[in-house]
Protein backbone atom coordinates (compact mmCIF):
# COMPACT_ATOMS: atom_id res chain seq x y z
CA ASN A 1 -15.00 27.07 -13.06
CA HIS A 2 -11.60 27.25 -14.76
CA ASN A 3 -12.95 28.34 -18.24
CA GLY A 4 -11.20 25.48 -20.01
CA HIS A 5 -12.49 22.27 -21.65
CA ILE A 6 -11.77 18.59 -22.04
CA MET A 7 -11.84 16.90 -25.33
CA PHE A 8 -10.95 13.36 -26.42
CA ARG A 9 -10.29 11.26 -29.44
CA SER A 10 -11.04 7.59 -29.53
CA ASN A 11 -9.35 5.11 -32.18
CA THR A 12 -11.62 1.87 -33.40
CA ASP A 13 -8.23 -0.03 -33.16
CA GLY A 14 -7.91 0.80 -29.38
CA GLY A 15 -6.71 3.54 -27.32
CA THR A 16 -8.12 7.00 -26.34
CA THR A 17 -6.40 10.36 -26.13
CA PHE A 18 -7.58 12.97 -23.76
CA PHE A 19 -6.85 16.82 -24.39
CA LEU A 20 -7.15 19.21 -21.36
CA TYR A 21 -7.13 22.95 -22.08
CA LEU A 22 -6.79 25.06 -18.84
CA PRO A 23 -6.27 28.85 -19.23
CA ALA A 24 -2.90 30.25 -18.04
CA SER A 25 -3.00 32.29 -14.72
CA GLY A 26 -1.48 35.72 -14.19
CA GLU A 27 -0.31 34.65 -10.74
CA PRO A 28 3.16 33.26 -10.26
CA VAL A 29 3.35 29.43 -9.93
CA GLN A 30 4.26 28.27 -6.64
CA ARG A 31 6.53 25.08 -6.72
CA ILE A 32 6.19 22.35 -4.30
CA GLU A 33 8.70 19.49 -4.13
CA ARG A 34 6.52 16.33 -4.28
CA ARG A 35 8.82 14.24 -2.05
CA GLN A 36 8.51 16.96 1.01
CA ALA A 37 4.67 16.70 0.58
CA PHE A 38 4.81 12.99 1.08
CA SER A 39 7.98 12.19 3.00
CA ALA A 40 8.05 9.34 5.43
CA ALA A 41 8.22 10.15 9.10
CA LYS A 42 10.88 7.18 9.27
CA ARG A 43 12.09 4.93 6.48
CA GLY A 44 11.29 1.44 6.93
CA HIS A 45 12.19 -2.01 5.60
CA ILE A 46 8.74 -2.99 4.35
CA LEU A 47 7.50 -6.46 3.05
CA ILE A 48 4.26 -6.47 0.76
CA MET A 49 2.54 -9.48 -0.65
CA GLY A 50 -0.14 -9.94 -3.14
CA GLU A 51 -0.80 -12.19 -5.97
CA GLU A 52 -2.08 -9.12 -8.39
CA LYS A 53 0.85 -8.12 -9.95
CA GLU A 54 -0.47 -4.70 -10.54
CA ALA A 55 -1.58 -3.84 -7.29
CA LEU A 56 1.55 -5.09 -6.05
CA ASP A 57 3.64 -3.06 -8.31
CA GLU A 58 1.52 0.14 -7.40
CA MET A 59 2.13 -0.48 -3.64
CA GLN A 60 5.75 -0.94 -4.23
CA ARG A 61 5.99 2.19 -6.19
CA MET A 62 4.31 4.19 -3.58
CA LEU A 63 6.01 2.95 -0.69
CA GLU A 64 9.57 3.42 -2.59
CA TYR A 65 8.27 7.05 -3.57
CA LEU A 66 7.77 7.44 0.27
CA GLY A 67 11.24 6.53 0.98
CA HIS A 68 11.04 3.02 2.12
CA GLU A 69 13.02 -0.11 1.27
CA VAL A 70 10.47 -2.63 -0.10
CA GLU A 71 10.58 -6.18 -0.69
CA THR A 72 7.77 -8.25 -2.61
CA ALA A 73 6.16 -11.47 -2.64
CA GLY A 74 3.58 -13.16 -4.71
CA THR A 75 2.68 -16.10 -2.53
CA GLY A 76 2.03 -16.85 1.00
CA GLU A 77 4.85 -19.33 1.17
CA ASP A 78 7.51 -16.65 -0.50
CA THR A 79 6.18 -14.14 2.09
CA ALA A 80 6.83 -16.45 4.85
CA THR A 81 10.13 -17.31 3.58
CA LEU A 82 11.51 -13.80 3.04
CA PHE A 83 10.08 -12.70 6.43
CA GLU A 84 12.13 -15.44 8.17
CA ASN A 85 15.30 -14.94 6.14
CA ALA A 86 15.23 -11.02 6.80
CA ARG A 87 14.93 -11.86 10.60
CA LYS A 88 17.69 -14.50 10.44
CA ARG A 89 20.28 -12.08 8.65
CA GLY A 90 19.65 -9.47 11.00
CA ALA A 91 17.62 -7.00 9.03
CA PRO A 92 13.94 -7.70 10.02
CA PHE A 93 10.90 -6.13 8.44
CA ASP A 94 9.59 -3.00 10.14
CA ALA A 95 6.15 -3.84 8.90
CA ALA A 96 4.38 -6.11 6.41
CA SER A 97 1.39 -5.38 4.14
CA LEU A 98 -0.39 -8.37 3.22
CA ASP A 99 -3.34 -8.81 0.51
CA PHE A 100 -5.94 -11.02 1.84
CA SER A 101 -8.20 -10.94 -0.95
CA PHE A 102 -7.30 -14.41 -2.40
CA GLU A 103 -7.44 -18.14 -1.94
CA ALA A 104 -4.08 -19.35 -2.98
CA GLU A 105 -2.07 -22.34 -1.49
CA PHE A 106 -2.93 -20.98 1.89
CA GLY A 107 -4.97 -17.85 2.77
CA GLY A 108 -4.31 -14.57 4.75
CA GLU A 109 -5.23 -15.97 8.01
CA GLU A 110 -2.52 -18.73 7.37
CA ILE A 111 0.20 -16.37 6.45
CA LEU A 112 -0.81 -14.01 9.23
CA ARG A 113 -0.32 -17.02 11.86
CA ARG A 114 3.05 -17.71 10.11
CA LEU A 115 4.28 -14.27 10.45
CA ARG A 116 3.25 -14.09 14.08
CA GLU A 117 5.14 -17.20 14.97
CA ILE A 118 8.25 -15.86 13.44
CA ASP A 119 7.58 -12.14 14.95
CA PRO A 120 4.65 -11.53 17.16
CA ASP A 121 5.27 -7.86 17.32
CA VAL A 122 5.91 -6.78 13.81
CA PRO A 123 3.18 -4.38 12.52
CA ILE A 124 0.97 -6.24 9.93
CA ILE A 125 -1.37 -4.29 7.49
CA VAL A 126 -4.04 -5.79 5.26
CA SER A 127 -4.58 -4.52 1.96
CA SER A 128 -7.52 -5.27 -0.41
CA GLY A 129 -9.85 -4.30 -2.80
CA VAL A 130 -12.53 -6.44 -0.91
CA THR A 131 -14.04 -4.55 1.94
CA ASP A 132 -16.07 -7.03 3.59
CA GLY A 133 -15.33 -10.46 5.33
CA PRO A 134 -13.86 -11.38 8.73
CA ILE A 135 -10.55 -9.72 8.50
CA MET A 136 -11.31 -6.55 6.65
CA GLY A 137 -14.43 -6.24 8.79
CA ASP A 138 -12.67 -6.51 12.06
CA PRO A 139 -8.86 -6.15 11.87
CA SER A 140 -8.43 -5.68 15.56
CA ARG A 141 -9.74 -9.24 16.06
CA PHE A 142 -6.62 -10.21 14.04
CA ASN A 143 -4.32 -7.99 15.81
CA LEU A 144 -3.81 -5.92 12.75
CA HIS A 145 -2.04 -2.81 12.82
CA GLY A 146 -4.04 -1.23 10.04
CA VAL A 147 -6.15 -1.55 6.66
CA ILE A 148 -5.54 -0.06 3.20
CA PHE A 149 -8.09 -0.30 0.80
CA ARG A 150 -7.99 -0.16 -2.78
CA PRO A 151 -7.91 1.71 -5.17
CA LEU A 152 -4.80 2.92 -3.23
CA GLU A 153 -4.53 6.58 -2.13
CA ILE A 154 -1.04 7.87 -1.36
CA THR A 155 -1.96 9.59 1.94
CA GLN A 156 -3.66 6.66 3.35
CA VAL A 157 -0.66 4.46 2.44
CA ARG A 158 1.71 7.05 3.90
CA ASP A 159 -0.37 7.50 7.10
CA THR A 160 -1.02 3.86 7.58
CA VAL A 161 2.70 2.67 6.87
CA ASP A 162 4.26 5.54 8.70
CA SER A 163 2.31 4.72 11.82
CA ALA A 164 3.49 1.37 11.74
CA VAL A 165 7.01 1.94 11.15
CA ILE A 166 7.25 4.62 13.83
CA GLY A 167 5.63 2.25 16.44
CA ALA A 168 2.17 4.33 16.77
CA GLY A 169 -0.84 2.58 17.87
CA PRO A 170 -3.01 0.73 15.41
CA GLU A 171 -4.72 2.86 12.49
CA THR A 172 -8.41 3.18 12.50
CA PRO A 173 -9.29 2.24 8.80
CA GLU A 174 -11.06 4.65 6.61
CA ARG A 175 -13.21 3.54 3.58
CA HIS A 176 -12.44 5.73 0.58
CA THR A 177 -15.11 5.80 -1.75
């Protein structure tokens, strides 16, 4: 109980404005630096792939906020090309996050196979809003480092990616509902 209230105003033209009223506290405010609360264990070079622009942008913003260098790809072919070119120029990716919830020119299993041909040891994380299917149901069968379920939560993204970048063992996926 915060003794406040929430109001909203909707317009028929579209859009809704919410008003939150919370009482002031008599206690001094303790400031916490956000970047310290979510700092990466080690900065990494991360490749993320997804065909849904909003989901891709959200993951990119989170990873950059956490201090990682991020490159993005919207297709499986672009993913394989970026991955191979980074390795050739001596700046390989520390980890890759792939969205397997699509059926594009080639699916998640094909992308995974192609990346493993280029670098069999890179930690690969699968990210998806779909929680079933062969890959999401049993990521260890595909030698995946971890799973990130959408909607994204920054602590799950941080923990899974940090584990991949520092070389820890595979993450046990947690379903957040």
